[in-house]
């Protein structure tokens, strides 16, 4: 027993001096009020696709990143070449946002969009992320949503599925 005592004590001292343990960051109440808006729903038309996310007041963490993963489809959604514009508050069809507050990254396969906010979105705020591009071919486009809180070692939260129909333009057939 006396042989193990120095090892036990040195282990205890090491644990006490290792500093505070890093806690994982997570949403106590993750965002669930998420919507996608596209004022033009005909293939080939210019669009201003806007994703709107409400971070609950009691979320427990700031929102740093949103990831949209497109569900299986023949065509990938075209998010455009420029970073999105951001504005806070309710969604508005003609509202303008500020560029440079978010960075959008599209995966090589084109089926995953990651939006990184800088600065992060505080609990109680609604953020609107507006992209400019053109509608793809007629189809129903769907994405799963994932929310990542700000901080080290975050735990992601899955959100609702977003759905956006694009219709065939019969005028030009």
C-alpha atoms as a PDB file:
ATOM      1  CA  UNK A   1       0.000   0.000   0.000  1.00  0.00           C
ATOM      2  CA  UNK A   2       2.809   2.425   0.812  1.00  0.00           C
ATOM      3  CA  UNK A   3       4.337   1.768  -2.607  1.00  0.00           C
ATOM      4  CA  UNK A   4       1.218   3.085  -4.441  1.00  0.00           C
ATOM      5  CA  UNK A   5       0.648   6.128  -2.209  1.00  0.00           C
ATOM      6  CA  UNK A   6       3.258   8.403  -3.917  1.00  0.00           C
ATOM      7  CA  UNK A   7       1.829   7.533  -7.338  1.00  0.00           C
ATOM      8  CA  UNK A   8      -1.725   8.222  -6.217  1.00  0.00           C
ATOM      9  CA  UNK A   9      -0.716  11.522  -4.655  1.00  0.00           C
ATOM     10  CA  UNK A  10       1.258  12.607  -7.721  1.00  0.00           C
ATOM     11  CA  UNK A  11      -1.728  11.755  -9.926  1.00  0.00           C
ATOM     12  CA  UNK A  12      -4.047  13.768  -7.687  1.00  0.00           C
ATOM     13  CA  UNK A  13      -1.670  16.760  -7.736  1.00  0.00           C
ATOM     14  CA  UNK A  14      -1.454  16.517 -11.536  1.00  0.00           C
ATOM     15  CA  UNK A  15      -5.248  16.542 -11.864  1.00  0.00           C
ATOM     16  CA  UNK A  16      -5.596  19.505  -9.515  1.00  0.00           C
ATOM     17  CA  UNK A  17      -2.977  21.539 -11.403  1.00  0.00           C
ATOM     18  CA  UNK A  18      -4.231  20.767 -14.895  1.00  0.00           C
ATOM     19  CA  UNK A  19      -6.540  23.791 -14.794  1.00  0.00           C
ATOM     20  CA  UNK A  20     -10.244  23.993 -15.514  1.00  0.00           C
ATOM     21  CA  UNK A  21     -11.680  21.409 -17.862  1.00  0.00           C
ATOM     22  CA  UNK A  22     -12.857  22.753 -21.195  1.00  0.00           C
ATOM     23  CA  UNK A  23     -16.615  22.444 -21.455  1.00  0.00           C
ATOM     24  CA  UNK A  24     -18.310  21.753 -24.727  1.00  0.00           C
ATOM     25  CA  UNK A  25     -20.547  24.530 -26.019  1.00  0.00           C
ATOM     26  CA  UNK A  26     -24.109  23.643 -27.053  1.00  0.00           C
ATOM     27  CA  UNK A  27     -27.529  25.215 -27.523  1.00  0.00           C
ATOM     28  CA  UNK A  28     -29.801  24.701 -24.540  1.00  0.00           C
ATOM     29  CA  UNK A  29     -32.603  25.566 -26.932  1.00  0.00           C
ATOM     30  CA  UNK A  30     -31.429  25.340 -30.559  1.00  0.00           C
ATOM     31  CA  UNK A  31     -32.866  27.415 -33.395  1.00  0.00           C
ATOM     32  CA  UNK A  32     -35.957  25.795 -34.921  1.00  0.00           C
ATOM     33  CA  UNK A  33     -37.651  28.795 -36.545  1.00  0.00           C
ATOM     34  CA  UNK A  34     -35.864  28.690 -39.877  1.00  0.00           C
ATOM     35  CA  UNK A  35     -37.262  29.521 -43.301  1.00  0.00           C
ATOM     36  CA  UNK A  36     -36.128  29.947 -46.879  1.00  0.00           C
ATOM     37  CA  UNK A  37     -37.595  32.582 -49.190  1.00  0.00           C
ATOM     38  CA  UNK A  38     -37.286  33.005 -52.942  1.00  0.00           C
ATOM     39  CA  UNK A  39     -39.461  35.713 -54.520  1.00  0.00           C
ATOM     40  CA  UNK A  40     -39.117  34.177 -57.994  1.00  0.00           C
ATOM     41  CA  UNK A  41     -40.130  30.546 -58.315  1.00  0.00           C
ATOM     42  CA  UNK A  42     -39.700  29.980 -62.063  1.00  0.00           C
ATOM     43  CA  UNK A  43     -36.664  28.216 -63.501  1.00  0.00           C
ATOM     44  CA  UNK A  44     -33.974  30.453 -64.984  1.00  0.00           C
ATOM     45  CA  UNK A  45     -35.199  33.627 -63.272  1.00  0.00           C
ATOM     46  CA  UNK A  46     -32.969  35.856 -61.201  1.00  0.00           C
ATOM     47  CA  UNK A  47     -33.442  35.129 -57.528  1.00  0.00           C
ATOM     48  CA  UNK A  48     -32.692  36.589 -54.139  1.00  0.00           C
ATOM     49  CA  UNK A  49     -32.788  33.483 -51.986  1.00  0.00           C
ATOM     50  CA  UNK A  50     -32.915  34.391 -48.298  1.00  0.00           C
ATOM     51  CA  UNK A  51     -32.450  32.098 -45.324  1.00  0.00           C
ATOM     52  CA  UNK A  52     -33.977  33.432 -42.114  1.00  0.00           C
ATOM     53  CA  UNK A  53     -32.957  32.041 -38.687  1.00  0.00           C
ATOM     54  CA  UNK A  54     -34.312  33.054 -35.281  1.00  0.00           C
ATOM     55  CA  UNK A  55     -31.929  32.300 -32.402  1.00  0.00           C
ATOM     56  CA  UNK A  56     -34.135  31.829 -29.314  1.00  0.00           C
ATOM     57  CA  UNK A  57     -33.630  34.222 -26.402  1.00  0.00           C
ATOM     58  CA  UNK A  58     -32.876  31.260 -24.154  1.00  0.00           C
ATOM     59  CA  UNK A  59     -30.575  29.497 -26.647  1.00  0.00           C
ATOM     60  CA  UNK A  60     -27.696  29.494 -24.180  1.00  0.00           C
ATOM     61  CA  UNK A  61     -25.095  30.195 -26.903  1.00  0.00           C
ATOM     62  CA  UNK A  62     -24.451  32.475 -29.862  1.00  0.00           C
ATOM     63  CA  UNK A  63     -24.874  31.173 -33.425  1.00  0.00           C
ATOM     64  CA  UNK A  64     -21.581  31.004 -35.321  1.00  0.00           C
ATOM     65  CA  UNK A  65     -22.396  28.836 -38.322  1.00  0.00           C
ATOM     66  CA  UNK A  66     -25.328  27.401 -40.279  1.00  0.00           C
ATOM     67  CA  UNK A  67     -24.868  24.450 -42.617  1.00  0.00           C
ATOM     68  CA  UNK A  68     -27.403  23.530 -45.311  1.00  0.00           C
ATOM     69  CA  UNK A  69     -27.020  20.078 -46.857  1.00  0.00           C
ATOM     70  CA  UNK A  70     -29.007  19.620 -50.044  1.00  0.00           C
ATOM     71  CA  UNK A  71     -30.974  16.403 -50.199  1.00  0.00           C
ATOM     72  CA  UNK A  72     -30.555  14.220 -53.285  1.00  0.00           C
ATOM     73  CA  UNK A  73     -31.532  16.042 -56.461  1.00  0.00           C
ATOM     74  CA  UNK A  74     -30.474  16.060 -60.110  1.00  0.00           C
ATOM     75  CA  UNK A  75     -29.368  19.722 -59.919  1.00  0.00           C
ATOM     76  CA  UNK A  76     -27.526  21.587 -57.180  1.00  0.00           C
ATOM     77  CA  UNK A  77     -28.880  24.922 -56.039  1.00  0.00           C
ATOM     78  CA  UNK A  78     -26.880  27.880 -57.356  1.00  0.00           C
ATOM     79  CA  UNK A  79     -26.013  30.152 -54.414  1.00  0.00           C
ATOM     80  CA  UNK A  80     -24.110  32.598 -56.616  1.00  0.00           C
ATOM     81  CA  UNK A  81     -20.478  33.620 -56.594  1.00  0.00           C
ATOM     82  CA  UNK A  82     -20.515  36.442 -54.033  1.00  0.00           C
ATOM     83  CA  UNK A  83     -20.742  36.199 -50.277  1.00  0.00           C
ATOM     84  CA  UNK A  84     -24.239  36.857 -48.957  1.00  0.00           C
ATOM     85  CA  UNK A  85     -25.642  40.059 -47.487  1.00  0.00           C
ATOM     86  CA  UNK A  86     -26.832  39.964 -43.876  1.00  0.00           C
ATOM     87  CA  UNK A  87     -29.516  41.913 -42.066  1.00  0.00           C
ATOM     88  CA  UNK A  88     -31.118  41.498 -38.649  1.00  0.00           C
ATOM     89  CA  UNK A  89     -34.838  41.625 -37.917  1.00  0.00           C
ATOM     90  CA  UNK A  90     -37.854  40.291 -39.752  1.00  0.00           C
ATOM     91  CA  UNK A  91     -37.589  39.025 -43.320  1.00  0.00           C
ATOM     92  CA  UNK A  92     -38.414  41.672 -45.898  1.00  0.00           C
ATOM     93  CA  UNK A  93     -38.724  41.097 -49.641  1.00  0.00           C
ATOM     94  CA  UNK A  94     -36.843  44.284 -50.535  1.00  0.00           C
ATOM     95  CA  UNK A  95     -34.640  44.699 -47.467  1.00  0.00           C
ATOM     96  CA  UNK A  96     -30.952  45.241 -48.102  1.00  0.00           C
ATOM     97  CA  UNK A  97     -28.232  43.756 -46.009  1.00  0.00           C
ATOM     98  CA  UNK A  98     -24.586  44.426 -45.359  1.00  0.00           C
ATOM     99  CA  UNK A  99     -21.897  42.452 -47.146  1.00  0.00           C
ATOM    100  CA  UNK A 100     -18.890  41.143 -45.227  1.00  0.00           C
ATOM    101  CA  UNK A 101     -20.724  39.954 -42.094  1.00  0.00           C
ATOM    102  CA  UNK A 102     -20.893  36.349 -43.281  1.00  0.00           C
ATOM    103  CA  UNK A 103     -18.777  34.079 -45.420  1.00  0.00           C
ATOM    104  CA  UNK A 104     -20.369  31.330 -47.502  1.00  0.00           C
ATOM    105  CA  UNK A 105     -18.462  28.185 -48.452  1.00  0.00           C
ATOM    106  CA  UNK A 106     -19.779  25.547 -50.834  1.00  0.00           C
ATOM    107  CA  UNK A 107     -18.457  21.988 -50.717  1.00  0.00           C
ATOM    108  CA  UNK A 108     -16.649  20.537 -53.743  1.00  0.00           C
ATOM    109  CA  UNK A 109     -19.648  18.338 -54.495  1.00  0.00           C
ATOM    110  CA  UNK A 110     -21.891  21.431 -54.405  1.00  0.00           C
ATOM    111  CA  UNK A 111     -24.424  19.903 -52.037  1.00  0.00           C
ATOM    112  CA  UNK A 112     -23.359  21.596 -48.788  1.00  0.00           C
ATOM    113  CA  UNK A 113     -23.438  25.305 -47.990  1.00  0.00           C
ATOM    114  CA  UNK A 114     -21.721  26.567 -44.829  1.00  0.00           C
ATOM    115  CA  UNK A 115     -22.426  30.122 -43.636  1.00  0.00           C
ATOM    116  CA  UNK A 116     -20.010  31.531 -41.037  1.00  0.00           C
ATOM    117  CA  UNK A 117     -21.129  34.664 -39.163  1.00  0.00           C
ATOM    118  CA  UNK A 118     -18.662  37.316 -38.032  1.00  0.00           C
ATOM    119  CA  UNK A 119     -19.758  38.720 -35.644  1.00  0.00           C
ATOM    120  CA  UNK A 120     -21.765  35.831 -34.208  1.00  0.00           C
ATOM    121  CA  UNK A 121     -25.562  36.047 -33.901  1.00  0.00           C
ATOM    122  CA  UNK A 122     -26.697  36.717 -30.328  1.00  0.00           C
ATOM    123  CA  UNK A 123     -29.626  34.927 -28.655  1.00  0.00           C
ATOM    124  CA  UNK A 124     -32.903  36.740 -29.354  1.00  0.00           C
ATOM    125  CA  UNK A 125     -31.801  37.958 -32.815  1.00  0.00           C
ATOM    126  CA  UNK A 126     -33.207  36.960 -36.199  1.00  0.00           C
ATOM    127  CA  UNK A 127     -30.621  36.903 -38.973  1.00  0.00           C
ATOM    128  CA  UNK A 128     -31.444  36.960 -42.687  1.00  0.00           C
ATOM    129  CA  UNK A 129     -28.854  35.752 -45.177  1.00  0.00           C
ATOM    130  CA  UNK A 130     -29.536  36.876 -48.769  1.00  0.00           C
ATOM    131  CA  UNK A 131     -27.909  35.315 -51.850  1.00  0.00           C
ATOM    132  CA  UNK A 132     -28.223  36.529 -55.447  1.00  0.00           C
ATOM    133  CA  UNK A 133     -28.196  34.098 -58.332  1.00  0.00           C
ATOM    134  CA  UNK A 134     -30.483  32.356 -60.854  1.00  0.00           C
ATOM    135  CA  UNK A 135     -33.017  29.612 -60.267  1.00  0.00           C
ATOM    136  CA  UNK A 136     -32.002  26.127 -61.454  1.00  0.00           C
ATOM    137  CA  UNK A 137     -34.194  23.708 -63.419  1.00  0.00           C
ATOM    138  CA  UNK A 138     -37.762  23.044 -62.282  1.00  0.00           C
ATOM    139  CA  UNK A 139     -37.843  20.696 -59.315  1.00  0.00           C
ATOM    140  CA  UNK A 140     -38.361  20.640 -55.557  1.00  0.00           C
ATOM    141  CA  UNK A 141     -35.167  21.525 -53.691  1.00  0.00           C
ATOM    142  CA  UNK A 142     -34.682  20.489 -50.058  1.00  0.00           C
ATOM    143  CA  UNK A 143     -31.971  20.985 -47.435  1.00  0.00           C
ATOM    144  CA  UNK A 144     -31.332  19.721 -43.941  1.00  0.00           C
ATOM    145  CA  UNK A 145     -30.116  22.371 -41.509  1.00  0.00           C
ATOM    146  CA  UNK A 146     -27.409  22.196 -38.854  1.00  0.00           C
ATOM    147  CA  UNK A 147     -26.605  24.939 -36.343  1.00  0.00           C
ATOM    148  CA  UNK A 148     -23.190  25.354 -34.743  1.00  0.00           C
ATOM    149  CA  UNK A 149     -22.771  27.506 -31.625  1.00  0.00           C
ATOM    150  CA  UNK A 150     -19.835  29.852 -31.076  1.00  0.00           C
ATOM    151  CA  UNK A 151     -17.047  28.563 -28.867  1.00  0.00           C
ATOM    152  CA  UNK A 152     -14.496  25.826 -28.565  1.00  0.00           C
ATOM    153  CA  UNK A 153     -15.522  22.216 -29.082  1.00  0.00           C
ATOM    154  CA  UNK A 154     -19.146  23.006 -30.117  1.00  0.00           C
ATOM    155  CA  UNK A 155     -21.917  20.411 -30.265  1.00  0.00           C
ATOM    156  CA  UNK A 156     -24.020  20.825 -33.422  1.00  0.00           C
ATOM    157  CA  UNK A 157     -27.827  20.883 -33.396  1.00  0.00           C
ATOM    158  CA  UNK A 158     -29.949  19.605 -36.261  1.00  0.00           C
ATOM    159  CA  UNK A 159     -32.787  21.825 -37.408  1.00  0.00           C
ATOM    160  CA  UNK A 160     -35.779  21.450 -39.699  1.00  0.00           C
ATOM    161  CA  UNK A 161     -35.718  20.591 -43.395  1.00  0.00           C
ATOM    162  CA  UNK A 162     -36.158  23.523 -45.784  1.00  0.00           C
ATOM    163  CA  UNK A 163     -38.096  23.093 -49.020  1.00  0.00           C
ATOM    164  CA  UNK A 164     -38.268  25.315 -52.108  1.00  0.00           C
ATOM    165  CA  UNK A 165     -40.222  24.516 -55.300  1.00  0.00           C
ATOM    166  CA  UNK A 166     -39.091  25.826 -58.690  1.00  0.00           C
ATOM    167  CA  UNK A 167     -41.609  25.670 -61.516  1.00  0.00           C
ATOM    168  CA  UNK A 168     -41.269  25.167 -65.248  1.00  0.00           C
ATOM    169  CA  UNK A 169     -41.653  28.293 -67.352  1.00  0.00           C
ATOM    170  CA  UNK A 170     -44.435  27.257 -69.758  1.00  0.00           C
ATOM    171  CA  UNK A 171     -44.259  30.605 -71.577  1.00  0.00           C
ATOM    172  CA  UNK A 172     -41.096  29.685 -73.455  1.00  0.00           C
ATOM    173  CA  UNK A 173     -41.945  26.107 -74.480  1.00  0.00           C
END
